[in-house]
C-alpha cells in the first residue's frame, strides 16, 4: 500500500514540475513575441495587456471569463486582446495555447507575468 502512495506522490511531483516547465516555456515564447506578434500591434505601450484565447463553444469563456475581463478593463484599465482560437489557429499555435480559456498577463514593459489555463478570477488577474 505504501508503495502505491509513493508512486502516486512521485507522479504528482513529476507532473507539477513538467507543468511549471511548460509555463516557463510559454512565458519565454510570449516574451519573444511581444515585440513582433501581429496580435499586439494595436496595444498602447506602458499599459498592461491581457491576451485572452477563447472559442465559440467555450461556455466558461462566455459565462465566467468574459465578464471578469470586462470588469477588469473597467476597474483597472488593462487592455484586453481577445483571440478566437478557432478563427486564428496559427496564433494559438504561436502562443502555445492548448485549452480555452487561456489568458496571458503582460505588464506595461512587455514582460509576461502570468499564464492562466482555465478560468482565472478577478482577484487573481488583478494581482498578476
N, C-alpha and C. Protein backbone atom coordinates (compact mmCIF):
# COMPACT_ATOMS: atom_id res chain seq x y z
N UNK A 1 0.80 -1.19 0.00
CA UNK A 1 0.00 0.00 0.00
C UNK A 1 0.85 1.27 0.00
N UNK A 2 1.91 1.27 0.82
CA UNK A 2 2.78 2.43 0.91
C UNK A 2 3.50 2.68 -0.41
N UNK A 3 3.79 1.59 -1.15
CA UNK A 3 4.46 1.75 -2.44
C UNK A 3 3.57 2.51 -3.42
N UNK A 4 2.28 2.23 -3.40
CA UNK A 4 1.34 2.92 -4.29
C UNK A 4 1.26 4.40 -3.95
N UNK A 5 1.26 4.70 -2.66
CA UNK A 5 1.23 6.11 -2.25
C UNK A 5 2.50 6.83 -2.70
N UNK A 6 3.64 6.17 -2.56
CA UNK A 6 4.90 6.77 -3.01
C UNK A 6 4.91 6.99 -4.51
N UNK A 7 4.43 6.00 -5.25
CA UNK A 7 4.37 6.13 -6.71
C UNK A 7 3.44 7.27 -7.09
N UNK A 8 2.28 7.35 -6.44
CA UNK A 8 1.34 8.44 -6.72
C UNK A 8 1.95 9.79 -6.39
N UNK A 9 2.67 9.89 -5.28
CA UNK A 9 3.31 11.15 -4.90
C UNK A 9 4.38 11.55 -5.91
N UNK A 10 5.18 10.60 -6.33
CA UNK A 10 6.22 10.87 -7.33
C UNK A 10 5.60 11.34 -8.64
N UNK A 11 4.54 10.67 -9.07
CA UNK A 11 3.86 11.06 -10.31
C UNK A 11 3.28 12.47 -10.21
N UNK A 12 2.70 12.79 -9.07
CA UNK A 12 2.17 14.15 -8.88
C UNK A 12 3.28 15.19 -8.92
N UNK A 13 4.38 14.91 -8.28
CA UNK A 13 5.51 15.85 -8.27
C UNK A 13 6.08 16.01 -9.68
N UNK A 14 6.26 14.93 -10.38
CA UNK A 14 6.77 14.99 -11.77
C UNK A 14 5.80 15.78 -12.64
N UNK A 15 4.51 15.53 -12.50
CA UNK A 15 3.52 16.25 -13.28
C UNK A 15 3.55 17.75 -12.98
N UNK A 16 3.68 18.11 -11.71
CA UNK A 16 3.76 19.51 -11.33
C UNK A 16 5.00 20.18 -11.92
N UNK A 17 6.14 19.50 -11.85
CA UNK A 17 7.38 20.06 -12.39
C UNK A 17 7.27 20.24 -13.90
N UNK A 18 6.71 19.28 -14.60
CA UNK A 18 6.53 19.40 -16.05
C UNK A 18 5.60 20.56 -16.37
N UNK A 19 4.52 20.72 -15.63
CA UNK A 19 3.59 21.82 -15.84
C UNK A 19 4.29 23.17 -15.63
N UNK A 20 5.07 23.30 -14.56
CA UNK A 20 5.79 24.56 -14.31
C UNK A 20 6.81 24.85 -15.41
N UNK A 21 7.48 23.81 -15.91
CA UNK A 21 8.42 24.00 -17.03
C UNK A 21 7.68 24.45 -18.28
N UNK A 22 6.49 23.88 -18.51
CA UNK A 22 5.68 24.28 -19.66
C UNK A 22 5.28 25.76 -19.56
N UNK A 23 4.89 26.20 -18.37
CA UNK A 23 4.52 27.59 -18.15
C UNK A 23 5.73 28.51 -18.39
N UNK A 24 6.88 28.12 -17.89
CA UNK A 24 8.10 28.92 -18.10
C UNK A 24 8.43 29.01 -19.58
N UNK A 25 8.25 27.91 -20.29
CA UNK A 25 8.49 27.90 -21.74
C UNK A 25 7.53 28.85 -22.44
N UNK A 26 6.25 28.79 -22.06
CA UNK A 26 5.26 29.68 -22.67
C UNK A 26 5.59 31.14 -22.40
N UNK A 27 6.01 31.47 -21.19
CA UNK A 27 6.38 32.84 -20.88
C UNK A 27 7.55 33.30 -21.74
N UNK A 28 8.52 32.44 -21.94
CA UNK A 28 9.66 32.78 -22.79
C UNK A 28 9.25 33.02 -24.23
N UNK A 29 8.37 32.18 -24.74
CA UNK A 29 7.88 32.34 -26.11
C UNK A 29 7.14 33.66 -26.24
N UNK A 30 6.25 33.94 -25.30
CA UNK A 30 5.46 35.17 -25.36
C UNK A 30 6.34 36.40 -25.22
N UNK A 31 7.33 36.35 -24.35
CA UNK A 31 8.25 37.49 -24.21
C UNK A 31 8.93 37.79 -25.54
N UNK A 32 9.26 36.77 -26.31
CA UNK A 32 9.88 36.98 -27.62
C UNK A 32 8.88 37.51 -28.63
N UNK A 33 7.60 37.14 -28.47
CA UNK A 33 6.56 37.55 -29.42
C UNK A 33 6.05 38.96 -29.19
N UNK A 34 6.20 39.49 -27.99
CA UNK A 34 5.58 40.77 -27.64
C UNK A 34 5.94 41.87 -28.64
N UNK A 35 7.16 41.91 -29.07
CA UNK A 35 7.59 42.98 -29.97
C UNK A 35 7.17 42.76 -31.42
N UNK A 36 6.89 41.52 -31.80
CA UNK A 36 6.68 41.25 -33.22
C UNK A 36 5.35 40.62 -33.58
N UNK A 37 4.58 40.16 -32.61
CA UNK A 37 3.35 39.44 -32.92
C UNK A 37 2.26 40.39 -33.41
N UNK A 38 1.58 40.03 -34.50
CA UNK A 38 0.52 40.89 -35.03
C UNK A 38 -0.67 41.06 -34.08
N UNK A 39 -0.86 40.16 -33.14
CA UNK A 39 -1.95 40.31 -32.17
C UNK A 39 -1.75 41.55 -31.30
N UNK A 40 -0.50 41.93 -31.11
CA UNK A 40 -0.18 43.01 -30.18
C UNK A 40 0.19 44.32 -30.87
N UNK A 41 -0.09 44.42 -32.16
CA UNK A 41 0.32 45.62 -32.90
C UNK A 41 -0.48 46.86 -32.50
N UNK A 42 -1.69 46.69 -31.97
CA UNK A 42 -2.53 47.84 -31.64
C UNK A 42 -2.53 48.20 -30.16
N UNK A 43 -1.70 47.56 -29.35
CA UNK A 43 -1.72 47.87 -27.92
C UNK A 43 -0.94 49.15 -27.65
N UNK A 44 -1.36 49.83 -26.58
CA UNK A 44 -0.69 51.06 -26.16
C UNK A 44 0.46 50.70 -25.24
N UNK A 45 1.65 51.23 -25.50
CA UNK A 45 2.79 50.91 -24.63
C UNK A 45 2.59 51.49 -23.23
N UNK A 46 3.12 50.79 -22.25
CA UNK A 46 3.06 51.24 -20.87
C UNK A 46 1.82 50.83 -20.12
N UNK A 47 0.84 50.23 -20.80
CA UNK A 47 -0.40 49.79 -20.16
C UNK A 47 -0.44 48.27 -20.21
N UNK A 48 -0.69 47.62 -19.08
CA UNK A 48 -0.75 46.15 -19.08
C UNK A 48 -1.81 45.63 -20.05
N UNK A 49 -1.56 44.43 -20.56
CA UNK A 49 -2.48 43.82 -21.51
C UNK A 49 -2.73 42.36 -21.11
N UNK A 50 -3.96 41.92 -21.35
CA UNK A 50 -4.29 40.52 -21.15
C UNK A 50 -4.68 39.97 -22.52
N UNK A 51 -3.96 38.97 -22.97
CA UNK A 51 -4.29 38.28 -24.22
C UNK A 51 -5.13 37.08 -23.82
N UNK A 52 -6.34 37.04 -24.37
CA UNK A 52 -7.38 36.09 -23.94
C UNK A 52 -7.76 35.20 -25.12
N UNK A 53 -7.41 33.92 -25.02
CA UNK A 53 -7.76 32.94 -26.06
C UNK A 53 -9.06 32.24 -25.68
N UNK A 54 -9.99 32.19 -26.61
CA UNK A 54 -11.30 31.61 -26.39
C UNK A 54 -11.74 30.86 -27.63
N UNK A 55 -12.87 30.20 -27.54
CA UNK A 55 -13.52 29.56 -28.69
C UNK A 55 -15.02 29.80 -28.59
N UNK A 56 -15.75 29.72 -29.70
CA UNK A 56 -17.18 29.94 -29.64
C UNK A 56 -17.93 28.90 -28.80
N UNK A 57 -17.40 27.71 -28.68
CA UNK A 57 -18.07 26.65 -27.94
C UNK A 57 -17.72 26.63 -26.45
N UNK A 58 -16.87 27.52 -26.02
CA UNK A 58 -16.40 27.54 -24.63
C UNK A 58 -17.41 28.28 -23.74
N UNK A 59 -18.17 27.51 -22.99
CA UNK A 59 -19.19 28.10 -22.12
C UNK A 59 -18.56 28.86 -20.94
N UNK A 60 -17.53 28.31 -20.27
CA UNK A 60 -16.90 29.09 -19.19
C UNK A 60 -16.30 30.41 -19.69
N UNK A 61 -15.87 30.43 -20.95
CA UNK A 61 -15.33 31.67 -21.52
C UNK A 61 -16.40 32.76 -21.52
N UNK A 62 -17.60 32.39 -21.96
CA UNK A 62 -18.69 33.37 -22.07
C UNK A 62 -19.29 33.72 -20.72
N UNK A 63 -19.47 32.73 -19.86
CA UNK A 63 -20.21 32.96 -18.62
C UNK A 63 -19.35 33.43 -17.46
N UNK A 64 -18.06 33.10 -17.48
CA UNK A 64 -17.19 33.47 -16.35
C UNK A 64 -16.05 34.38 -16.76
N UNK A 65 -15.25 33.96 -17.75
CA UNK A 65 -14.04 34.70 -18.07
C UNK A 65 -14.32 36.05 -18.72
N UNK A 66 -15.22 36.10 -19.70
CA UNK A 66 -15.50 37.36 -20.39
C UNK A 66 -16.02 38.44 -19.44
N UNK A 67 -16.99 38.14 -18.55
CA UNK A 67 -17.43 39.18 -17.61
C UNK A 67 -16.31 39.63 -16.65
N UNK A 68 -15.47 38.71 -16.25
CA UNK A 68 -14.35 39.06 -15.38
C UNK A 68 -13.39 40.00 -16.09
N UNK A 69 -13.09 39.71 -17.34
CA UNK A 69 -12.17 40.57 -18.10
C UNK A 69 -12.78 41.95 -18.35
N UNK A 70 -14.07 42.01 -18.61
CA UNK A 70 -14.74 43.30 -18.80
C UNK A 70 -14.68 44.12 -17.52
N UNK A 71 -14.91 43.48 -16.39
CA UNK A 71 -14.83 44.17 -15.10
C UNK A 71 -13.40 44.67 -14.85
N UNK A 72 -12.42 43.85 -15.21
CA UNK A 72 -11.02 44.23 -15.05
C UNK A 72 -10.69 45.43 -15.93
N UNK A 73 -11.19 45.43 -17.15
CA UNK A 73 -10.94 46.55 -18.07
C UNK A 73 -11.53 47.84 -17.49
N UNK A 74 -12.75 47.76 -16.95
CA UNK A 74 -13.42 48.95 -16.42
C UNK A 74 -12.81 49.45 -15.12
N UNK A 75 -12.44 48.55 -14.23
CA UNK A 75 -11.96 48.96 -12.91
C UNK A 75 -10.45 49.22 -12.84
N UNK A 76 -9.68 48.47 -13.61
CA UNK A 76 -8.23 48.58 -13.52
C UNK A 76 -7.63 49.30 -14.72
N UNK A 77 -8.29 49.21 -15.88
CA UNK A 77 -7.81 49.89 -17.07
C UNK A 77 -6.81 49.11 -17.90
N UNK A 78 -6.84 47.80 -17.81
CA UNK A 78 -5.95 47.00 -18.64
C UNK A 78 -6.52 46.89 -20.05
N UNK A 79 -5.65 46.59 -20.99
CA UNK A 79 -6.07 46.33 -22.36
C UNK A 79 -6.38 44.84 -22.49
N UNK A 80 -7.41 44.51 -23.24
CA UNK A 80 -7.78 43.12 -23.47
C UNK A 80 -7.68 42.84 -24.96
N UNK A 81 -6.93 41.80 -25.31
CA UNK A 81 -6.86 41.33 -26.69
C UNK A 81 -7.52 39.97 -26.72
N UNK A 82 -8.69 39.90 -27.34
CA UNK A 82 -9.45 38.65 -27.42
C UNK A 82 -9.11 37.95 -28.72
N UNK A 83 -8.77 36.68 -28.62
CA UNK A 83 -8.40 35.89 -29.79
C UNK A 83 -9.27 34.64 -29.84
N UNK A 84 -9.99 34.47 -30.94
CA UNK A 84 -10.77 33.26 -31.16
C UNK A 84 -9.82 32.22 -31.74
N UNK A 85 -9.53 31.20 -30.97
CA UNK A 85 -8.54 30.19 -31.38
C UNK A 85 -9.01 29.37 -32.58
N UNK A 86 -10.33 29.31 -32.82
CA UNK A 86 -10.81 28.57 -33.99
C UNK A 86 -10.66 29.39 -35.26
N UNK A 87 -10.77 30.71 -35.14
CA UNK A 87 -10.59 31.58 -36.30
C UNK A 87 -9.13 31.88 -36.57
N UNK A 88 -8.31 31.81 -35.55
CA UNK A 88 -6.90 32.15 -35.67
C UNK A 88 -6.04 31.05 -35.03
N UNK A 89 -6.08 29.84 -35.63
CA UNK A 89 -5.31 28.74 -35.02
C UNK A 89 -3.80 28.95 -35.07
N UNK A 90 -3.32 29.72 -36.02
CA UNK A 90 -1.87 29.96 -36.08
C UNK A 90 -1.41 30.78 -34.87
N UNK A 91 -2.26 31.72 -34.41
CA UNK A 91 -1.90 32.49 -33.20
C UNK A 91 -1.90 31.57 -31.98
N UNK A 92 -2.89 30.69 -31.89
CA UNK A 92 -2.93 29.75 -30.77
C UNK A 92 -1.68 28.86 -30.78
N UNK A 93 -1.25 28.43 -31.95
CA UNK A 93 -0.03 27.62 -32.05
C UNK A 93 1.20 28.43 -31.64
N UNK A 94 1.31 29.67 -32.13
CA UNK A 94 2.46 30.51 -31.79
C UNK A 94 2.57 30.73 -30.29
N UNK A 95 1.44 30.91 -29.63
CA UNK A 95 1.41 31.21 -28.21
C UNK A 95 1.39 29.95 -27.35
N UNK A 96 1.32 28.78 -27.95
CA UNK A 96 1.34 27.52 -27.20
C UNK A 96 0.05 27.24 -26.45
N UNK A 97 -1.06 27.71 -26.99
CA UNK A 97 -2.35 27.53 -26.32
C UNK A 97 -2.91 26.17 -26.66
N UNK A 98 -3.34 25.42 -25.63
CA UNK A 98 -3.91 24.10 -25.87
C UNK A 98 -5.28 23.94 -25.23
N UNK A 99 -5.79 24.99 -24.57
CA UNK A 99 -7.13 24.92 -23.97
C UNK A 99 -7.73 26.32 -23.91
N UNK A 100 -9.04 26.35 -23.81
CA UNK A 100 -9.73 27.63 -23.67
C UNK A 100 -10.56 27.59 -22.41
N UNK A 101 -10.59 28.65 -21.66
CA UNK A 101 -9.89 29.91 -21.86
C UNK A 101 -8.43 29.83 -21.38
N UNK A 102 -7.60 30.58 -22.06
CA UNK A 102 -6.22 30.77 -21.64
C UNK A 102 -5.94 32.26 -21.66
N UNK A 103 -5.37 32.77 -20.59
CA UNK A 103 -5.04 34.19 -20.53
C UNK A 103 -3.55 34.37 -20.26
N UNK A 104 -2.99 35.36 -20.93
CA UNK A 104 -1.60 35.76 -20.73
C UNK A 104 -1.62 37.18 -20.18
N UNK A 105 -0.99 37.40 -19.05
CA UNK A 105 -0.92 38.72 -18.44
C UNK A 105 0.46 39.30 -18.76
N UNK A 106 0.45 40.43 -19.47
CA UNK A 106 1.69 41.08 -19.89
C UNK A 106 1.72 42.48 -19.27
N UNK A 107 2.80 42.81 -18.58
CA UNK A 107 2.87 44.12 -17.92
C UNK A 107 3.15 45.23 -18.94
N UNK A 108 3.19 46.45 -18.46
CA UNK A 108 3.38 47.61 -19.33
C UNK A 108 4.73 47.66 -20.02
N UNK A 109 5.71 46.91 -19.51
CA UNK A 109 7.04 46.87 -20.13
C UNK A 109 7.17 45.72 -21.13
N UNK A 110 6.12 44.93 -21.30
CA UNK A 110 6.14 43.84 -22.27
C UNK A 110 6.63 42.52 -21.72
N UNK A 111 6.70 42.38 -20.40
CA UNK A 111 7.13 41.13 -19.78
C UNK A 111 5.92 40.31 -19.38
N UNK A 112 5.93 39.04 -19.73
CA UNK A 112 4.83 38.15 -19.38
C UNK A 112 4.90 37.84 -17.89
N UNK A 113 3.85 38.20 -17.18
CA UNK A 113 3.79 37.99 -15.74
C UNK A 113 3.13 36.68 -15.36
N UNK A 114 2.15 36.24 -16.15
CA UNK A 114 1.43 35.02 -15.77
C UNK A 114 0.76 34.41 -16.99
N UNK A 115 0.57 33.10 -16.92
CA UNK A 115 -0.21 32.34 -17.90
C UNK A 115 -1.24 31.56 -17.10
N UNK A 116 -2.50 31.70 -17.48
CA UNK A 116 -3.58 31.01 -16.79
C UNK A 116 -4.30 30.08 -17.75
N UNK A 117 -4.29 28.80 -17.46
CA UNK A 117 -5.04 27.82 -18.23
C UNK A 117 -6.34 27.57 -17.49
N UNK A 118 -7.45 27.86 -18.13
CA UNK A 118 -8.74 27.76 -17.45
C UNK A 118 -9.17 29.12 -16.96
N UNK A 119 -10.30 29.16 -16.29
CA UNK A 119 -10.87 30.41 -15.81
C UNK A 119 -10.01 30.98 -14.68
N UNK A 120 -9.69 32.27 -14.82
CA UNK A 120 -8.96 32.98 -13.77
C UNK A 120 -9.89 34.04 -13.20
N UNK A 121 -10.02 34.09 -11.89
CA UNK A 121 -10.96 35.03 -11.29
C UNK A 121 -10.39 36.45 -11.25
N UNK A 122 -11.25 37.39 -10.90
CA UNK A 122 -10.91 38.82 -10.90
C UNK A 122 -9.70 39.11 -10.02
N UNK A 123 -9.71 38.63 -8.79
CA UNK A 123 -8.62 38.93 -7.86
C UNK A 123 -7.29 38.35 -8.33
N UNK A 124 -7.33 37.16 -8.89
CA UNK A 124 -6.10 36.54 -9.41
C UNK A 124 -5.51 37.39 -10.53
N UNK A 125 -6.35 37.75 -11.50
CA UNK A 125 -5.86 38.56 -12.62
C UNK A 125 -5.39 39.93 -12.17
N UNK A 126 -6.08 40.52 -11.24
CA UNK A 126 -5.70 41.84 -10.74
C UNK A 126 -4.33 41.79 -10.05
N UNK A 127 -4.09 40.74 -9.26
CA UNK A 127 -2.79 40.61 -8.60
C UNK A 127 -1.68 40.34 -9.61
N UNK A 128 -1.98 39.59 -10.64
CA UNK A 128 -0.96 39.26 -11.63
C UNK A 128 -0.59 40.49 -12.43
